[in-house]
Protein backbone atom coordinates (compact mmCIF):
# COMPACT_ATOMS: atom_id res chain seq x y z
CA UNK A 1 0.00 0.00 0.00
CA UNK A 2 1.17 3.52 -0.72
CA UNK A 3 0.65 6.92 0.82
CA UNK A 4 -1.11 7.95 -2.39
CA UNK A 5 -3.68 5.14 -1.97
CA UNK A 6 -4.47 6.28 1.57
CA UNK A 7 -4.84 9.91 0.48
CA UNK A 8 -7.13 8.81 -2.36
CA UNK A 9 -9.30 6.80 0.05
CA UNK A 10 -9.59 9.82 2.35
CA UNK A 11 -10.49 12.00 -0.65
CA UNK A 12 -13.22 9.61 -1.76
CA UNK A 13 -14.65 9.46 1.75
CA UNK A 14 -14.83 13.26 2.01
CA UNK A 15 -16.24 13.58 -1.52
CA UNK A 16 -19.11 11.19 -0.71
CA UNK A 17 -20.66 13.77 1.62
CA UNK A 18 -19.21 16.95 0.08
CA UNK A 19 -20.13 16.32 -3.53
CA UNK A 20 -19.61 19.90 -4.73
CA UNK A 21 -16.30 20.47 -2.90
CA UNK A 22 -12.94 20.46 -4.65
CA UNK A 23 -10.78 17.84 -2.92
CA UNK A 24 -7.05 17.66 -3.59
CA UNK A 25 -5.38 14.40 -2.42
CA UNK A 26 -2.07 16.24 -2.11
CA UNK A 27 -0.79 19.64 -1.02
CA UNK A 28 -1.99 21.85 -3.86
CA UNK A 29 -1.34 25.11 -2.01
CA UNK A 30 1.38 27.60 -2.83
CA UNK A 31 2.82 30.16 -0.43
CA UNK A 32 0.66 32.83 -2.09
CA UNK A 33 -2.47 33.05 0.07
CA UNK A 34 -4.25 35.07 -2.62
CA UNK A 35 -4.19 31.96 -4.88
CA UNK A 36 -5.90 29.69 -2.34
CA UNK A 37 -9.57 30.61 -2.97
CA UNK A 38 -9.20 29.80 -6.67
CA UNK A 39 -8.00 26.28 -5.82
CA UNK A 40 -11.35 25.60 -4.13
CA UNK A 41 -13.76 27.36 -6.49
CA UNK A 42 -16.71 25.05 -7.14
CA UNK A 43 -18.83 24.87 -10.28
CA UNK A 44 -21.57 26.86 -8.52
CA UNK A 45 -19.11 29.72 -7.83
CA UNK A 46 -18.83 29.04 -4.10
CA UNK A 47 -15.52 28.37 -2.40
CA UNK A 48 -15.29 24.97 -0.67
CA UNK A 49 -12.46 22.49 -0.68
CA UNK A 50 -10.04 20.22 1.09
CA UNK A 51 -6.41 19.16 0.83
CA UNK A 52 -4.97 15.93 2.18
CA UNK A 53 -1.26 15.52 2.83
CA UNK A 54 0.83 13.20 4.92
CA UNK A 55 2.34 15.17 7.78
CA UNK A 56 4.45 12.51 9.50
CA UNK A 57 5.15 8.83 10.04
CA UNK A 58 5.18 7.37 13.53
CA UNK A 59 6.94 4.01 13.95
CA UNK A 60 7.35 1.61 16.84
CA UNK A 61 8.30 -2.03 17.34
CA UNK A 62 5.43 -4.51 17.77
CA UNK A 63 7.92 -7.21 18.76
CA UNK A 64 11.56 -8.05 18.10
CA UNK A 65 11.05 -8.49 14.35
CA UNK A 66 7.91 -6.51 13.41
CA UNK A 67 7.20 -2.83 13.38
CA UNK A 68 4.03 -0.80 13.42
CA UNK A 69 3.58 2.38 11.43
CA UNK A 70 1.06 5.14 11.84
CA UNK A 71 0.74 7.58 8.99
CA UNK A 72 -0.46 11.00 10.14
CA UNK A 73 -2.41 13.14 7.68
CA UNK A 74 -3.18 16.83 7.66
CA UNK A 75 -6.65 17.38 6.26
CA UNK A 76 -7.33 21.05 5.73
CA UNK A 77 -10.78 22.34 4.88
CA UNK A 78 -11.72 25.71 3.41
CA UNK A 79 -15.09 27.39 2.91
CA UNK A 80 -16.10 30.85 1.74
CA UNK A 81 -16.92 33.24 4.57
CA UNK A 82 -20.25 35.04 4.57
CA UNK A 83 -21.77 37.07 7.41
CA UNK A 84 -25.39 37.85 6.59
CA UNK A 85 -27.33 37.35 9.81
CA UNK A 86 -27.57 35.12 12.86
CA UNK A 87 -29.72 32.66 10.92
CA UNK A 88 -28.00 32.96 7.54
CA UNK A 89 -24.20 32.82 7.72
CA UNK A 90 -21.37 30.63 6.56
CA UNK A 91 -20.31 29.70 10.09
CA UNK A 92 -23.49 27.66 10.55
CA UNK A 93 -22.98 25.95 7.17
CA UNK A 94 -19.30 25.25 7.92
CA UNK A 95 -20.18 23.56 11.23
CA UNK A 96 -22.56 21.20 9.42
CA UNK A 97 -19.88 20.41 6.82
CA UNK A 98 -17.20 19.63 9.42
CA UNK A 99 -19.64 17.38 11.31
CA UNK A 100 -20.50 15.53 8.09
CA UNK A 101 -16.83 14.99 7.16
CA UNK A 102 -16.08 13.77 10.69
CA UNK A 103 -18.99 11.32 10.52
CA UNK A 104 -18.07 10.04 7.06
CA UNK A 105 -14.53 9.20 8.20
CA UNK A 106 -15.82 7.64 11.43
CA UNK A 107 -18.01 5.32 9.33
CA UNK A 108 -14.95 3.99 7.47
CA UNK A 109 -12.45 3.06 10.22
CA UNK A 110 -10.23 1.15 7.78
CA UNK A 111 -10.87 3.51 4.84
CA UNK A 112 -11.86 0.25 3.10
CA UNK A 113 -8.17 -0.62 2.65
CA UNK A 114 -6.90 -4.08 3.64
CA UNK A 115 -3.59 -2.76 4.93
CA UNK A 116 -5.23 -0.30 7.33
CA UNK A 117 -5.92 -1.71 10.78
CA UNK A 118 -7.99 1.36 11.68
CA UNK A 119 -7.71 5.10 11.99
CA UNK A 120 -8.32 7.30 14.95
CA UNK A 121 -11.19 9.73 14.83
CA UNK A 122 -10.67 12.97 12.92
CA UNK A 123 -9.26 15.69 15.17
CA UNK A 124 -10.16 19.28 14.35
CA UNK A 125 -7.12 21.01 15.81
CA UNK A 126 -8.08 24.52 14.74
CA UNK A 127 -11.23 26.01 13.29
CA UNK A 128 -10.82 29.66 12.39
CA UNK A 129 -10.83 32.09 9.47
CA UNK A 130 -8.00 33.19 7.24
CA UNK A 131 -7.67 36.37 5.17
CA UNK A 132 -6.30 35.39 1.78
CA UNK A 133 -6.21 38.86 0.31
CA UNK A 134 -8.90 37.87 -2.18
CA UNK A 135 -11.37 37.19 0.62
CA UNK A 136 -11.87 35.49 3.92
CA UNK A 137 -12.16 31.71 4.21
CA UNK A 138 -13.17 29.44 7.02
CA UNK A 139 -10.19 27.19 7.70
CA UNK A 140 -10.20 23.91 9.62
CA UNK A 141 -6.86 22.26 10.33
CA UNK A 142 -7.59 18.60 10.97
CA UNK A 143 -5.49 15.51 11.68
CA UNK A 144 -6.13 11.85 10.99
CA UNK A 145 -3.86 9.09 12.34
CA UNK A 146 -4.00 5.94 10.20
CA UNK A 147 -2.60 2.77 11.81
CA UNK A 148 -1.28 0.24 9.32
CA UNK A 149 -1.55 -3.43 9.98
CA UNK A 150 0.96 -6.24 9.58
């Protein structure tokens, strides 16, 4: 199994519930913040997207001859900011989206990959906004630890 296969499985899982979102199974972001909204522009003109990238590899010995690896993924979500009213704003929509992505990953503890023993639950480490110069985006920095088997 490869890192790319895991990232693709995560992408497919997110895309099942976020059908209009643009999901990149790799780090598609440059250092130019002003370019970020365009990476996540949907067909309907809204801004909503995700990137998935491996952040680290954790390794330990299972026994004298076998190791165990955990691949740690950064999953970053972005959504166009809109502040209309208490009942009509992007913050409410973004909360529903994050909950749906969390639930979709929870429902696939092995990501439907034989070589995955399980993954931990998605951790939303930060949920804030970011000024890209072109506009403001909701930004969720999430982590997913994927434990490999065998």
